[in-house]
N, C-alpha and C. Protein backbone atom coordinates (compact mmCIF):
# COMPACT_ATOMS: atom_id res chain seq x y z
N UNK A 1 -29.65 -15.08 -12.95
CA UNK A 1 -30.97 -14.62 -13.14
C UNK A 1 -31.87 -15.79 -13.17
N UNK A 2 -33.16 -15.72 -12.52
CA UNK A 2 -34.00 -16.90 -12.43
C UNK A 2 -34.74 -16.94 -13.70
N UNK A 3 -34.91 -18.27 -14.17
CA UNK A 3 -35.70 -18.53 -15.36
C UNK A 3 -37.21 -18.32 -15.19
N UNK A 4 -37.66 -18.69 -14.00
CA UNK A 4 -39.13 -18.39 -13.54
C UNK A 4 -39.23 -18.09 -12.08
N UNK A 5 -40.29 -17.74 -11.67
CA UNK A 5 -40.42 -17.42 -10.34
C UNK A 5 -41.01 -18.57 -9.37
N UNK A 6 -40.99 -19.80 -9.88
CA UNK A 6 -41.51 -20.86 -9.03
C UNK A 6 -40.23 -21.62 -8.44
N UNK A 7 -40.22 -22.14 -7.30
CA UNK A 7 -39.10 -22.92 -6.76
C UNK A 7 -39.12 -24.23 -7.49
N UNK A 8 -37.89 -24.82 -7.57
CA UNK A 8 -37.75 -26.16 -8.15
C UNK A 8 -38.23 -27.20 -7.10
N UNK A 9 -38.00 -26.94 -5.76
CA UNK A 9 -38.20 -27.82 -4.72
C UNK A 9 -38.49 -26.92 -3.47
N UNK A 10 -39.37 -27.38 -2.52
CA UNK A 10 -39.58 -26.96 -1.09
C UNK A 10 -39.51 -28.04 -0.10
N UNK A 11 -38.49 -28.02 0.81
CA UNK A 11 -38.49 -29.01 1.79
C UNK A 11 -38.83 -28.34 3.08
N UNK A 12 -39.49 -29.22 3.97
CA UNK A 12 -40.05 -28.66 5.25
C UNK A 12 -39.50 -29.84 6.22
N UNK A 13 -39.01 -29.10 7.53
CA UNK A 13 -38.87 -30.01 8.64
C UNK A 13 -39.27 -29.11 9.91
N UNK A 14 -40.30 -29.54 10.48
CA UNK A 14 -40.73 -28.78 11.57
C UNK A 14 -41.34 -27.50 11.23
N UNK A 15 -40.80 -26.39 11.85
CA UNK A 15 -41.18 -25.09 11.38
C UNK A 15 -40.27 -24.37 10.50
N UNK A 16 -39.33 -25.13 9.87
CA UNK A 16 -38.32 -24.69 8.81
C UNK A 16 -38.65 -25.07 7.43
N UNK A 17 -38.55 -24.08 6.51
CA UNK A 17 -38.74 -24.40 5.20
C UNK A 17 -37.40 -23.95 4.33
N UNK A 18 -37.00 -24.86 3.48
CA UNK A 18 -35.98 -24.57 2.55
C UNK A 18 -36.50 -24.45 1.10
N UNK A 19 -36.41 -23.51 0.40
CA UNK A 19 -36.93 -23.26 -0.81
C UNK A 19 -35.74 -23.31 -1.79
N UNK A 20 -35.73 -24.12 -2.89
CA UNK A 20 -34.62 -24.23 -3.64
C UNK A 20 -35.12 -23.78 -5.07
N UNK A 21 -34.14 -22.73 -5.58
CA UNK A 21 -34.40 -22.11 -6.79
C UNK A 21 -33.48 -22.38 -7.82
N UNK A 22 -33.73 -22.49 -9.03
CA UNK A 22 -32.80 -22.74 -10.07
C UNK A 22 -32.49 -21.44 -10.88
N UNK A 23 -31.25 -21.12 -11.07
CA UNK A 23 -30.92 -19.90 -11.75
C UNK A 23 -30.10 -20.26 -12.94
N UNK A 24 -29.81 -19.41 -13.71
CA UNK A 24 -29.09 -19.61 -14.99
C UNK A 24 -28.02 -18.54 -15.19
N UNK A 25 -26.73 -19.08 -15.52
CA UNK A 25 -25.66 -18.13 -15.70
C UNK A 25 -24.97 -18.40 -16.90
N UNK A 26 -23.89 -17.69 -17.25
CA UNK A 26 -23.23 -18.12 -18.37
C UNK A 26 -22.64 -19.46 -18.43
N UNK A 27 -22.34 -19.94 -17.22
CA UNK A 27 -21.76 -21.22 -17.00
C UNK A 27 -22.73 -22.37 -16.92
N UNK A 28 -24.01 -22.18 -17.08
CA UNK A 28 -25.01 -23.07 -16.92
C UNK A 28 -25.91 -22.86 -15.66
N UNK A 29 -26.88 -23.71 -15.53
CA UNK A 29 -27.64 -23.68 -14.31
C UNK A 29 -27.06 -23.88 -12.97
N UNK A 30 -27.62 -23.28 -11.91
CA UNK A 30 -27.07 -23.35 -10.54
C UNK A 30 -28.26 -23.20 -9.69
N UNK A 31 -28.18 -23.66 -8.32
CA UNK A 31 -29.23 -23.80 -7.46
C UNK A 31 -28.87 -22.95 -6.26
N UNK A 32 -29.92 -22.21 -5.81
CA UNK A 32 -29.78 -21.30 -4.67
C UNK A 32 -31.03 -21.73 -3.63
N UNK A 33 -30.57 -21.70 -2.35
CA UNK A 33 -31.58 -22.11 -1.24
C UNK A 33 -31.93 -21.00 -0.44
N UNK A 34 -33.12 -20.79 -0.09
CA UNK A 34 -33.66 -19.80 0.92
C UNK A 34 -34.15 -20.49 2.05
N UNK A 35 -33.77 -20.21 3.24
CA UNK A 35 -34.32 -20.79 4.49
C UNK A 35 -35.14 -19.81 5.25
N UNK A 36 -36.41 -20.33 5.63
CA UNK A 36 -37.25 -19.56 6.27
C UNK A 36 -38.12 -20.12 7.42
N UNK A 37 -38.75 -19.39 8.21
CA UNK A 37 -39.65 -20.08 9.15
C UNK A 37 -40.98 -19.37 9.07
N UNK A 38 -41.93 -20.07 8.42
CA UNK A 38 -43.27 -19.61 8.20
C UNK A 38 -44.05 -19.35 9.45
N UNK A 39 -44.73 -18.25 9.55
CA UNK A 39 -45.52 -17.95 10.81
C UNK A 39 -46.75 -17.10 10.39
N UNK A 40 -47.68 -16.95 11.30
CA UNK A 40 -48.78 -15.98 11.11
C UNK A 40 -48.41 -14.81 11.99
N UNK A 41 -48.79 -13.55 11.39
CA UNK A 41 -48.54 -12.33 12.29
C UNK A 41 -49.91 -12.09 13.20
N UNK A 42 -49.81 -10.98 13.91
CA UNK A 42 -51.09 -10.79 14.65
C UNK A 42 -52.35 -10.58 14.01
N UNK A 43 -52.25 -10.17 12.69
CA UNK A 43 -53.50 -10.01 11.94
C UNK A 43 -54.02 -11.32 11.22
N UNK A 44 -53.08 -12.38 11.30
CA UNK A 44 -53.41 -13.67 10.73
C UNK A 44 -52.96 -13.80 9.37
N UNK A 45 -52.19 -12.86 8.81
CA UNK A 45 -51.54 -12.96 7.64
C UNK A 45 -50.26 -13.92 7.63
N UNK A 46 -50.04 -14.67 6.69
CA UNK A 46 -48.84 -15.61 6.67
C UNK A 46 -47.64 -14.78 6.29
N UNK A 47 -46.58 -15.00 6.97
CA UNK A 47 -45.19 -14.39 6.73
C UNK A 47 -44.10 -15.45 6.81
N UNK A 48 -42.92 -14.95 6.30
CA UNK A 48 -41.77 -15.88 6.43
C UNK A 48 -40.74 -15.06 7.00
N UNK A 49 -40.31 -15.71 8.17
CA UNK A 49 -39.11 -15.05 9.02
C UNK A 49 -38.00 -15.64 8.55
N UNK A 50 -36.87 -14.88 8.71
CA UNK A 50 -35.61 -15.43 8.44
C UNK A 50 -34.58 -15.25 9.59
N UNK A 51 -35.18 -15.12 10.74
CA UNK A 51 -34.34 -15.30 11.96
C UNK A 51 -34.62 -16.56 12.66
N UNK A 52 -33.81 -17.25 13.18
CA UNK A 52 -33.90 -18.52 13.76
C UNK A 52 -33.41 -18.41 15.06
N UNK A 53 -33.96 -19.26 15.88
CA UNK A 53 -33.49 -19.58 17.30
C UNK A 53 -32.79 -20.77 17.64
N UNK A 54 -32.36 -20.95 18.83
CA UNK A 54 -31.59 -22.28 19.19
C UNK A 54 -32.50 -23.51 18.94
N UNK A 55 -33.78 -23.33 19.12
CA UNK A 55 -34.77 -24.57 18.91
C UNK A 55 -34.99 -24.88 17.38
N UNK A 56 -34.49 -24.04 16.71
CA UNK A 56 -34.57 -24.23 15.06
C UNK A 56 -33.32 -24.81 14.60
N UNK A 57 -32.18 -24.97 15.24
CA UNK A 57 -31.04 -25.44 14.77
C UNK A 57 -31.09 -27.05 14.11
N UNK A 58 -31.81 -27.73 14.90
CA UNK A 58 -31.68 -29.16 14.46
C UNK A 58 -32.53 -29.36 13.06
N UNK A 59 -33.57 -28.52 12.94
CA UNK A 59 -34.41 -28.50 11.72
C UNK A 59 -33.70 -27.87 10.60
N UNK A 60 -32.80 -26.87 10.87
CA UNK A 60 -32.04 -26.10 10.02
C UNK A 60 -30.97 -27.11 9.40
N UNK A 61 -30.30 -27.87 10.17
CA UNK A 61 -29.31 -28.85 9.90
C UNK A 61 -30.05 -29.90 8.84
N UNK A 62 -31.17 -30.32 9.46
CA UNK A 62 -31.82 -31.40 8.66
C UNK A 62 -32.24 -31.00 7.19
N UNK A 63 -32.82 -29.82 7.09
CA UNK A 63 -33.21 -29.43 5.65
C UNK A 63 -31.96 -29.14 4.84
N UNK A 64 -30.94 -28.61 5.45
CA UNK A 64 -29.61 -28.32 4.89
C UNK A 64 -28.96 -29.64 4.30
N UNK A 65 -29.08 -30.68 5.09
CA UNK A 65 -28.65 -32.13 4.62
C UNK A 65 -29.49 -32.55 3.48
N UNK A 66 -30.85 -32.45 3.69
CA UNK A 66 -31.72 -32.98 2.50
C UNK A 66 -31.30 -32.17 1.21
N UNK A 67 -31.26 -30.93 1.39
CA UNK A 67 -30.82 -30.07 0.18
C UNK A 67 -29.60 -30.41 -0.48
N UNK A 68 -28.52 -30.71 0.38
CA UNK A 68 -27.27 -31.01 -0.25
C UNK A 68 -27.19 -32.31 -0.81
N UNK A 69 -27.97 -33.35 -0.29
CA UNK A 69 -28.01 -34.62 -0.91
C UNK A 69 -29.02 -35.15 -1.66
N UNK A 70 -30.09 -34.19 -1.86
CA UNK A 70 -31.30 -34.43 -2.58
C UNK A 70 -31.68 -33.42 -3.65
N UNK A 71 -30.93 -32.43 -3.72
CA UNK A 71 -31.31 -31.51 -4.70
C UNK A 71 -30.90 -31.88 -6.08
N UNK A 72 -31.62 -31.23 -7.05
CA UNK A 72 -31.26 -31.62 -8.46
C UNK A 72 -29.68 -31.59 -8.67
N UNK A 73 -29.01 -30.38 -8.26
CA UNK A 73 -27.70 -30.25 -8.53
C UNK A 73 -26.89 -31.27 -7.64
N UNK A 74 -27.11 -31.58 -6.47
CA UNK A 74 -26.47 -32.73 -5.63
C UNK A 74 -26.60 -34.01 -6.59
N UNK A 75 -27.74 -34.38 -6.87
CA UNK A 75 -28.09 -35.56 -7.59
C UNK A 75 -27.28 -35.64 -8.95
N UNK A 76 -26.98 -34.61 -9.55
CA UNK A 76 -26.35 -34.52 -10.85
C UNK A 76 -24.87 -34.74 -10.54
N UNK A 77 -24.34 -34.24 -9.44
CA UNK A 77 -22.85 -34.32 -9.18
C UNK A 77 -22.58 -35.65 -8.42
N UNK A 78 -23.52 -36.12 -7.78
CA UNK A 78 -23.33 -37.50 -6.96
C UNK A 78 -23.22 -38.61 -7.95
N UNK A 79 -22.37 -39.57 -7.61
CA UNK A 79 -22.23 -40.84 -8.43
C UNK A 79 -23.04 -41.99 -7.74
N UNK A 80 -23.54 -41.84 -6.50
CA UNK A 80 -24.27 -42.83 -5.77
C UNK A 80 -25.69 -42.40 -5.81
C-alpha cells in the first residue's frame, strides 16, 4: 500500500515517462514503476497512454536502465 499519492521520482526520455512509486509492505519499503506515454487527446486534454510502438522501444529501454541504476532502491542495493 502506498504511503502517499506522490511519486518518488519521474524520469523522462523522449515521449516516454517512468513514474517511480514507493510502497510499504511487512518487509519494508519497495518501489514500483509505471511506464506511460503522455499525449493530448482530440479535445486537448492531457492523457497517459500505456501502449507503446516500435519507435518507443529505445526510450523505454533508456528509462528502464535509468530506473534500475538510479532509483532509491537500486542506489541502496548498489555498492558503487
